[in-house]
């Protein structure tokens, strides 16, 4: 059973963002990052969102896998180039 969508949905809920599949896809499409910008350095995050993402990656917490998946999705355009 693939739980990626539900885990991403839960991450978006944790970040206080719209969490429907359509909203997640639109967010990712509209917020692509250049290759040299870390997901935790994106200017569109609030301070609390940035802190949450950074802590999860630093602590290698359960959320780290989903945050990494989001990171990959947000860098998809720069990787494709």
PDB file of N, CA and C in Angstrom:
ATOM      1  N   UNK A   1       0.842  -1.186   0.000  1.00  0.00           N
ATOM      2  CA  UNK A   1       0.000   0.000   0.000  1.00  0.00           C
ATOM      3  C   UNK A   1       0.883   1.244   0.000  1.00  0.00           C
ATOM      4  N   UNK A   2       0.635   2.157  -0.927  1.00  0.00           N
ATOM      5  CA  UNK A   2       1.416   3.385  -1.018  1.00  0.00           C
ATOM      6  C   UNK A   2       0.829   4.436  -0.086  1.00  0.00           C
ATOM      7  N   UNK A   3       1.624   4.876   0.876  1.00  0.00           N
ATOM      8  CA  UNK A   3       1.149   5.872   1.843  1.00  0.00           C
ATOM      9  C   UNK A   3       1.745   7.248   1.579  1.00  0.00           C
ATOM     10  N   UNK A   4       2.451   7.413   0.453  1.00  0.00           N
ATOM     11  CA  UNK A   4       3.119   8.675   0.160  1.00  0.00           C
ATOM     12  C   UNK A   4       2.138   9.835   0.146  1.00  0.00           C
ATOM     13  N   UNK A   5       1.019   9.681  -0.538  1.00  0.00           N
ATOM     14  CA  UNK A   5       0.061  10.781  -0.629  1.00  0.00           C
ATOM     15  C   UNK A   5      -0.474  11.167   0.742  1.00  0.00           C
ATOM     16  N   UNK A   6      -0.849  10.178   1.534  1.00  0.00           N
ATOM     17  CA  UNK A   6      -1.398  10.512   2.850  1.00  0.00           C
ATOM     18  C   UNK A   6      -0.335  11.121   3.748  1.00  0.00           C
ATOM     19  N   UNK A   7       0.899  10.702   3.601  1.00  0.00           N
ATOM     20  CA  UNK A   7       1.967  11.278   4.419  1.00  0.00           C
ATOM     21  C   UNK A   7       2.240  12.713   3.993  1.00  0.00           C
ATOM     22  N   UNK A   8       2.220  12.974   2.691  1.00  0.00           N
ATOM     23  CA  UNK A   8       2.413  14.337   2.199  1.00  0.00           C
ATOM     24  C   UNK A   8       1.230  15.202   2.634  1.00  0.00           C
ATOM     25  N   UNK A   9       0.044  14.632   2.588  1.00  0.00           N
ATOM     26  CA  UNK A   9      -1.145  15.349   3.042  1.00  0.00           C
ATOM     27  C   UNK A   9      -0.981  15.754   4.501  1.00  0.00           C
ATOM     28  N   UNK A  10      -0.526  14.839   5.309  1.00  0.00           N
ATOM     29  CA  UNK A  10      -0.340  15.114   6.729  1.00  0.00           C
ATOM     30  C   UNK A  10       0.740  16.165   6.948  1.00  0.00           C
ATOM     31  N   UNK A  11       1.807  16.119   6.155  1.00  0.00           N
ATOM     32  CA  UNK A  11       2.850  17.140   6.265  1.00  0.00           C
ATOM     33  C   UNK A  11       2.284  18.519   5.939  1.00  0.00           C
ATOM     34  N   UNK A  12       1.509  18.613   4.885  1.00  0.00           N
ATOM     35  CA  UNK A  12       0.916  19.897   4.524  1.00  0.00           C
ATOM     36  C   UNK A  12      -0.031  20.389   5.617  1.00  0.00           C
ATOM     37  N   UNK A  13      -0.775  19.480   6.217  1.00  0.00           N
ATOM     38  CA  UNK A  13      -1.630  19.867   7.348  1.00  0.00           C
ATOM     39  C   UNK A  13      -0.774  20.389   8.500  1.00  0.00           C
ATOM     40  N   UNK A  14       0.326  19.716   8.794  1.00  0.00           N
ATOM     41  CA  UNK A  14       1.232  20.130   9.865  1.00  0.00           C
ATOM     42  C   UNK A  14       1.796  21.522   9.589  1.00  0.00           C
ATOM     43  N   UNK A  15       2.033  21.821   8.312  1.00  0.00           N
ATOM     44  CA  UNK A  15       2.563  23.130   7.928  1.00  0.00           C
ATOM     45  C   UNK A  15       1.471  24.198   7.845  1.00  0.00           C
ATOM     46  N   UNK A  16       0.236  23.799   8.048  1.00  0.00           N
ATOM     47  CA  UNK A  16      -0.877  24.749   8.005  1.00  0.00           C
ATOM     48  C   UNK A  16      -1.269  25.126   6.588  1.00  0.00           C
ATOM     49  N   UNK A  17      -0.998  24.236   5.642  1.00  0.00           N
ATOM     50  CA  UNK A  17      -1.305  24.498   4.236  1.00  0.00           C
ATOM     51  C   UNK A  17      -2.478  23.642   3.785  1.00  0.00           C
ATOM     52  N   UNK A  18      -3.119  24.058   2.708  1.00  0.00           N
ATOM     53  CA  UNK A  18      -4.197  23.269   2.107  1.00  0.00           C
ATOM     54  C   UNK A  18      -3.629  21.900   1.761  1.00  0.00           C
ATOM     55  N   UNK A  19      -4.344  20.830   2.088  1.00  0.00           N
ATOM     56  CA  UNK A  19      -3.765  19.500   1.983  1.00  0.00           C
ATOM     57  C   UNK A  19      -4.470  18.556   1.015  1.00  0.00           C
ATOM     58  N   UNK A  20      -5.337  19.088   0.163  1.00  0.00           N
ATOM     59  CA  UNK A  20      -5.934  18.213  -0.848  1.00  0.00           C
ATOM     60  C   UNK A  20      -4.857  17.849  -1.864  1.00  0.00           C
ATOM     61  N   UNK A  21      -5.041  16.764  -2.572  1.00  0.00           N
ATOM     62  CA  UNK A  21      -4.061  16.351  -3.580  1.00  0.00           C
ATOM     63  C   UNK A  21      -3.856  17.442  -4.618  1.00  0.00           C
ATOM     64  N   UNK A  22      -4.932  18.101  -5.005  1.00  0.00           N
ATOM     65  CA  UNK A  22      -4.848  19.168  -6.000  1.00  0.00           C
ATOM     66  C   UNK A  22      -4.060  20.359  -5.462  1.00  0.00           C
ATOM     67  N   UNK A  23      -4.305  20.718  -4.207  1.00  0.00           N
ATOM     68  CA  UNK A  23      -3.606  21.850  -3.596  1.00  0.00           C
ATOM     69  C   UNK A  23      -2.118  21.549  -3.426  1.00  0.00           C
ATOM     70  N   UNK A  24      -1.799  20.328  -3.061  1.00  0.00           N
ATOM     71  CA  UNK A  24      -0.390  19.938  -2.905  1.00  0.00           C
ATOM     72  C   UNK A  24       0.310  20.010  -4.254  1.00  0.00           C
ATOM     73  N   UNK A  25      -0.320  19.467  -5.281  1.00  0.00           N
ATOM     74  CA  UNK A  25       0.267  19.498  -6.626  1.00  0.00           C
ATOM     75  C   UNK A  25       0.458  20.932  -7.105  1.00  0.00           C
ATOM     76  N   UNK A  26      -0.522  21.790  -6.853  1.00  0.00           N
ATOM     77  CA  UNK A  26      -0.424  23.196  -7.266  1.00  0.00           C
ATOM     78  C   UNK A  26       0.677  23.907  -6.493  1.00  0.00           C
ATOM     79  N   UNK A  27       0.798  23.631  -5.202  1.00  0.00           N
ATOM     80  CA  UNK A  27       1.849  24.246  -4.398  1.00  0.00           C
ATOM     81  C   UNK A  27       3.216  23.859  -4.948  1.00  0.00           C
ATOM     82  N   UNK A  28       3.411  22.581  -5.184  1.00  0.00           N
ATOM     83  CA  UNK A  28       4.700  22.095  -5.677  1.00  0.00           C
ATOM     84  C   UNK A  28       5.007  22.702  -7.044  1.00  0.00           C
ATOM     85  N   UNK A  29       4.032  22.741  -7.914  1.00  0.00           N
ATOM     86  CA  UNK A  29       4.232  23.308  -9.247  1.00  0.00           C
ATOM     87  C   UNK A  29       4.557  24.801  -9.173  1.00  0.00           C
ATOM     88  N   UNK A  30       3.902  25.509  -8.284  1.00  0.00           N
ATOM     89  CA  UNK A  30       4.066  26.952  -8.187  1.00  0.00           C
ATOM     90  C   UNK A  30       5.204  27.426  -7.299  1.00  0.00           C
ATOM     91  N   UNK A  31       5.888  26.499  -6.649  1.00  0.00           N
ATOM     92  CA  UNK A  31       6.940  26.881  -5.700  1.00  0.00           C
ATOM     93  C   UNK A  31       8.251  26.142  -5.964  1.00  0.00           C
ATOM     94  N   UNK A  32       8.564  25.904  -7.214  1.00  0.00           N
ATOM     95  CA  UNK A  32       9.811  25.219  -7.560  1.00  0.00           C
ATOM     96  C   UNK A  32      11.015  26.043  -7.095  1.00  0.00           C
ATOM     97  N   UNK A  33      12.041  25.351  -6.668  1.00  0.00           N
ATOM     98  CA  UNK A  33      13.239  25.996  -6.134  1.00  0.00           C
ATOM     99  C   UNK A  33      14.427  25.792  -7.061  1.00  0.00           C
ATOM    100  N   UNK A  34      15.307  26.781  -7.137  1.00  0.00           N
ATOM    101  CA  UNK A  34      16.563  26.585  -7.857  1.00  0.00           C
ATOM    102  C   UNK A  34      17.399  25.522  -7.132  1.00  0.00           C
ATOM    103  N   UNK A  35      18.282  24.894  -7.850  1.00  0.00           N
ATOM    104  CA  UNK A  35      19.090  23.804  -7.291  1.00  0.00           C
ATOM    105  C   UNK A  35      19.893  24.231  -6.065  1.00  0.00           C
ATOM    106  N   UNK A  36      20.305  25.494  -6.023  1.00  0.00           N
ATOM    107  CA  UNK A  36      21.171  25.945  -4.923  1.00  0.00           C
ATOM    108  C   UNK A  36      20.405  26.463  -3.702  1.00  0.00           C
ATOM    109  N   UNK A  37      19.088  26.357  -3.698  1.00  0.00           N
ATOM    110  CA  UNK A  37      18.288  26.814  -2.561  1.00  0.00           C
ATOM    111  C   UNK A  37      17.753  25.596  -1.811  1.00  0.00           C
ATOM    112  N   UNK A  38      18.128  25.488  -0.548  1.00  0.00           N
ATOM    113  CA  UNK A  38      17.648  24.387   0.280  1.00  0.00           C
ATOM    114  C   UNK A  38      16.168  24.595   0.593  1.00  0.00           C
ATOM    115  N   UNK A  39      15.468  23.499   0.787  1.00  0.00           N
ATOM    116  CA  UNK A  39      14.041  23.584   1.090  1.00  0.00           C
ATOM    117  C   UNK A  39      13.801  24.427   2.345  1.00  0.00           C
ATOM    118  N   UNK A  40      14.701  24.371   3.287  1.00  0.00           N
ATOM    119  CA  UNK A  40      14.547  25.136   4.532  1.00  0.00           C
ATOM    120  C   UNK A  40      14.878  26.613   4.357  1.00  0.00           C
ATOM    121  N   UNK A  41      15.418  26.986   3.205  1.00  0.00           N
ATOM    122  CA  UNK A  41      15.772  28.382   2.944  1.00  0.00           C
ATOM    123  C   UNK A  41      14.794  29.072   2.004  1.00  0.00           C
ATOM    124  N   UNK A  42      13.762  28.371   1.567  1.00  0.00           N
ATOM    125  CA  UNK A  42      12.784  28.966   0.651  1.00  0.00           C
ATOM    126  C   UNK A  42      12.110  30.154   1.331  1.00  0.00           C
ATOM    127  N   UNK A  43      11.990  31.241   0.594  1.00  0.00           N
ATOM    128  CA  UNK A  43      11.448  32.478   1.166  1.00  0.00           C
ATOM    129  C   UNK A  43       9.953  32.420   1.435  1.00  0.00           C
ATOM    130  N   UNK A  44       9.269  31.469   0.869  1.00  0.00           N
ATOM    131  CA  UNK A  44       7.811  31.413   1.039  1.00  0.00           C
ATOM    132  C   UNK A  44       7.376  30.752   2.339  1.00  0.00           C
ATOM    133  N   UNK A  45       8.276  30.153   3.082  1.00  0.00           N
ATOM    134  CA  UNK A  45       7.905  29.563   4.370  1.00  0.00           C
ATOM    135  C   UNK A  45       7.838  30.642   5.442  1.00  0.00           C
ATOM    136  N   UNK A  46       6.957  30.453   6.387  1.00  0.00           N
ATOM    137  CA  UNK A  46       6.965  31.311   7.575  1.00  0.00           C
ATOM    138  C   UNK A  46       8.129  30.840   8.457  1.00  0.00           C
ATOM    139  N   UNK A  47       8.456  31.621   9.448  1.00  0.00           N
ATOM    140  CA  UNK A  47       9.537  31.239  10.362  1.00  0.00           C
ATOM    141  C   UNK A  47       9.226  29.909  11.043  1.00  0.00           C
ATOM    142  N   UNK A  48       7.988  29.708  11.444  1.00  0.00           N
ATOM    143  CA  UNK A  48       7.598  28.467  12.116  1.00  0.00           C
ATOM    144  C   UNK A  48       7.684  27.269  11.168  1.00  0.00           C
ATOM    145  N   UNK A  49       7.248  27.447   9.933  1.00  0.00           N
ATOM    146  CA  UNK A  49       7.333  26.364   8.954  1.00  0.00           C
ATOM    147  C   UNK A  49       8.797  26.013   8.675  1.00  0.00           C
ATOM    148  N   UNK A  50       9.610  27.023   8.495  1.00  0.00           N
ATOM    149  CA  UNK A  50      11.040  26.825   8.232  1.00  0.00           C
ATOM    150  C   UNK A  50      11.694  26.083   9.402  1.00  0.00           C
ATOM    151  N   UNK A  51      11.363  26.479  10.611  1.00  0.00           N
ATOM    152  CA  UNK A  51      11.924  25.836  11.795  1.00  0.00           C
ATOM    153  C   UNK A  51      11.491  24.377  11.869  1.00  0.00           C
ATOM    154  N   UNK A  52      10.222  24.119  11.634  1.00  0.00           N
ATOM    155  CA  UNK A  52       9.714  22.746  11.670  1.00  0.00           C
ATOM    156  C   UNK A  52      10.445  21.862  10.655  1.00  0.00           C
ATOM    157  N   UNK A  53      10.540  22.334   9.420  1.00  0.00           N
ATOM    158  CA  UNK A  53      11.201  21.556   8.373  1.00  0.00           C
ATOM    159  C   UNK A  53      12.667  21.293   8.732  1.00  0.00           C
ATOM    160  N   UNK A  54      13.349  22.325   9.193  1.00  0.00           N
ATOM    161  CA  UNK A  54      14.758  22.182   9.560  1.00  0.00           C
ATOM    162  C   UNK A  54      14.972  21.214  10.712  1.00  0.00           C
ATOM    163  N   UNK A  55      14.126  21.311  11.723  1.00  0.00           N
ATOM    164  CA  UNK A  55      14.251  20.419  12.876  1.00  0.00           C
ATOM    165  C   UNK A  55      14.026  18.969  12.474  1.00  0.00           C
ATOM    166  N   UNK A  56      13.051  18.736  11.623  1.00  0.00           N
ATOM    167  CA  UNK A  56      12.754  17.367  11.221  1.00  0.00           C
ATOM    168  C   UNK A  56      13.914  16.756  10.441  1.00  0.00           C
ATOM    169  N   UNK A  57      14.516  17.534   9.572  1.00  0.00           N
ATOM    170  CA  UNK A  57      15.664  17.035   8.813  1.00  0.00           C
ATOM    171  C   UNK A  57      16.876  16.830   9.719  1.00  0.00           C
ATOM    172  N   UNK A  58      17.123  17.780  10.613  1.00  0.00           N
ATOM    173  CA  UNK A  58      18.285  17.708  11.501  1.00  0.00           C
ATOM    174  C   UNK A  58      18.193  16.513  12.449  1.00  0.00           C
ATOM    175  N   UNK A  59      17.012  16.281  12.981  1.00  0.00           N
ATOM    176  CA  UNK A  59      16.814  15.197  13.943  1.00  0.00           C
ATOM    177  C   UNK A  59      16.602  13.851  13.266  1.00  0.00           C
ATOM    178  N   UNK A  60      16.546  13.854  11.941  1.00  0.00           N
ATOM    179  CA  UNK A  60      16.269  12.637  11.185  1.00  0.00           C
ATOM    180  C   UNK A  60      15.024  11.952  11.742  1.00  0.00           C
ATOM    181  N   UNK A  61      14.023  12.756  12.043  1.00  0.00           N
ATOM    182  CA  UNK A  61      12.769  12.285  12.622  1.00  0.00           C
ATOM    183  C   UNK A  61      11.933  11.553  11.570  1.00  0.00           C
ATOM    184  N   UNK A  62      10.827  10.970  12.019  1.00  0.00           N
ATOM    185  CA  UNK A  62       9.932  10.275  11.096  1.00  0.00           C
ATOM    186  C   UNK A  62       9.499  11.183   9.947  1.00  0.00           C
ATOM    187  N   UNK A  63       9.337  12.447  10.247  1.00  0.00           N
ATOM    188  CA  UNK A  63       8.927  13.407   9.219  1.00  0.00           C
ATOM    189  C   UNK A  63      10.026  13.637   8.184  1.00  0.00           C
ATOM    190  N   UNK A  64      11.258  13.330   8.498  1.00  0.00           N
ATOM    191  CA  UNK A  64      12.378  13.633   7.598  1.00  0.00           C
ATOM    192  C   UNK A  64      12.194  13.008   6.219  1.00  0.00           C
ATOM    193  N   UNK A  65      11.640  11.826   6.164  1.00  0.00           N
ATOM    194  CA  UNK A  65      11.430  11.157   4.878  1.00  0.00           C
ATOM    195  C   UNK A  65      10.457  11.953   4.020  1.00  0.00           C
ATOM    196  N   UNK A  66       9.380  12.403   4.623  1.00  0.00           N
ATOM    197  CA  UNK A  66       8.371  13.149   3.863  1.00  0.00           C
ATOM    198  C   UNK A  66       8.897  14.537   3.503  1.00  0.00           C
ATOM    199  N   UNK A  67       9.632  15.164   4.410  1.00  0.00           N
ATOM    200  CA  UNK A  67      10.231  16.468   4.111  1.00  0.00           C
ATOM    201  C   UNK A  67      11.223  16.315   2.955  1.00  0.00           C
ATOM    202  N   UNK A  68      11.959  15.229   2.942  1.00  0.00           N
ATOM    203  CA  UNK A  68      12.888  14.981   1.842  1.00  0.00           C
ATOM    204  C   UNK A  68      12.131  14.761   0.529  1.00  0.00           C
ATOM    205  N   UNK A  69      11.010  14.070   0.589  1.00  0.00           N
ATOM    206  CA  UNK A  69      10.189  13.880  -0.610  1.00  0.00           C
ATOM    207  C   UNK A  69       9.682  15.232  -1.129  1.00  0.00           C
ATOM    208  N   UNK A  70       9.268  16.090  -0.209  1.00  0.00           N
ATOM    209  CA  UNK A  70       8.828  17.433  -0.599  1.00  0.00           C
ATOM    210  C   UNK A  70       9.993  18.195  -1.210  1.00  0.00           C
ATOM    211  N   UNK A  71      11.162  18.096  -0.604  1.00  0.00           N
ATOM    212  CA  UNK A  71      12.355  18.745  -1.122  1.00  0.00           C
ATOM    213  C   UNK A  71      12.626  18.306  -2.564  1.00  0.00           C
ATOM    214  N   UNK A  72      12.579  17.020  -2.815  1.00  0.00           N
ATOM    215  CA  UNK A  72      12.804  16.507  -4.167  1.00  0.00           C
ATOM    216  C   UNK A  72      11.761  17.048  -5.138  1.00  0.00           C
ATOM    217  N   UNK A  73      10.512  17.071  -4.724  1.00  0.00           N
ATOM    218  CA  UNK A  73       9.438  17.567  -5.592  1.00  0.00           C
ATOM    219  C   UNK A  73       9.622  19.050  -5.898  1.00  0.00           C
ATOM    220  N   UNK A  74      10.059  19.825  -4.907  1.00  0.00           N
ATOM    221  CA  UNK A  74      10.244  21.261  -5.099  1.00  0.00           C
ATOM    222  C   UNK A  74      11.477  21.588  -5.942  1.00  0.00           C
ATOM    223  N   UNK A  75      12.356  20.620  -6.123  1.00  0.00           N
ATOM    224  CA  UNK A  75      13.535  20.809  -6.951  1.00  0.00           C
ATOM    225  C   UNK A  75      13.441  20.060  -8.290  1.00  0.00           C
ATOM    226  N   UNK A  76      12.293  19.530  -8.609  1.00  0.00           N
ATOM    227  CA  UNK A  76      12.135  18.714  -9.820  1.00  0.00           C
ATOM    228  C   UNK A  76      12.526  19.472 -11.088  1.00  0.00           C
ATOM    229  N   UNK A  77      12.118  20.715 -11.202  1.00  0.00           N
ATOM    230  CA  UNK A  77      12.440  21.488 -12.406  1.00  0.00           C
ATOM    231  C   UNK A  77      13.942  21.735 -12.532  1.00  0.00           C
ATOM    232  N   UNK A  78      14.595  22.062 -11.428  1.00  0.00           N
ATOM    233  CA  UNK A  78      16.035  22.362 -11.502  1.00  0.00           C
ATOM    234  C   UNK A  78      16.840  21.094 -11.785  1.00  0.00           C
ATOM    235  N   UNK A  79      16.374  19.956 -11.345  1.00  0.00           N
ATOM    236  CA  UNK A  79      17.056  18.687 -11.587  1.00  0.00           C
ATOM    237  C   UNK A  79      16.886  18.278 -13.052  1.00  0.00           C
ATOM    238  N   UNK A  80      15.706  18.573 -13.601  1.00  0.00           N
ATOM    239  CA  UNK A  80      15.410  18.199 -14.994  1.00  0.00           C
ATOM    240  C   UNK A  80      16.248  18.983 -16.003  1.00  0.00           C
ATOM    241  N   UNK A  81      16.751  20.135 -15.613  1.00  0.00           N
ATOM    242  CA  UNK A  81      17.522  20.982 -16.537  1.00  0.00           C
ATOM    243  C   UNK A  81      18.889  20.484 -16.769  1.00  0.00           C
TER     244      UNK A  81
END
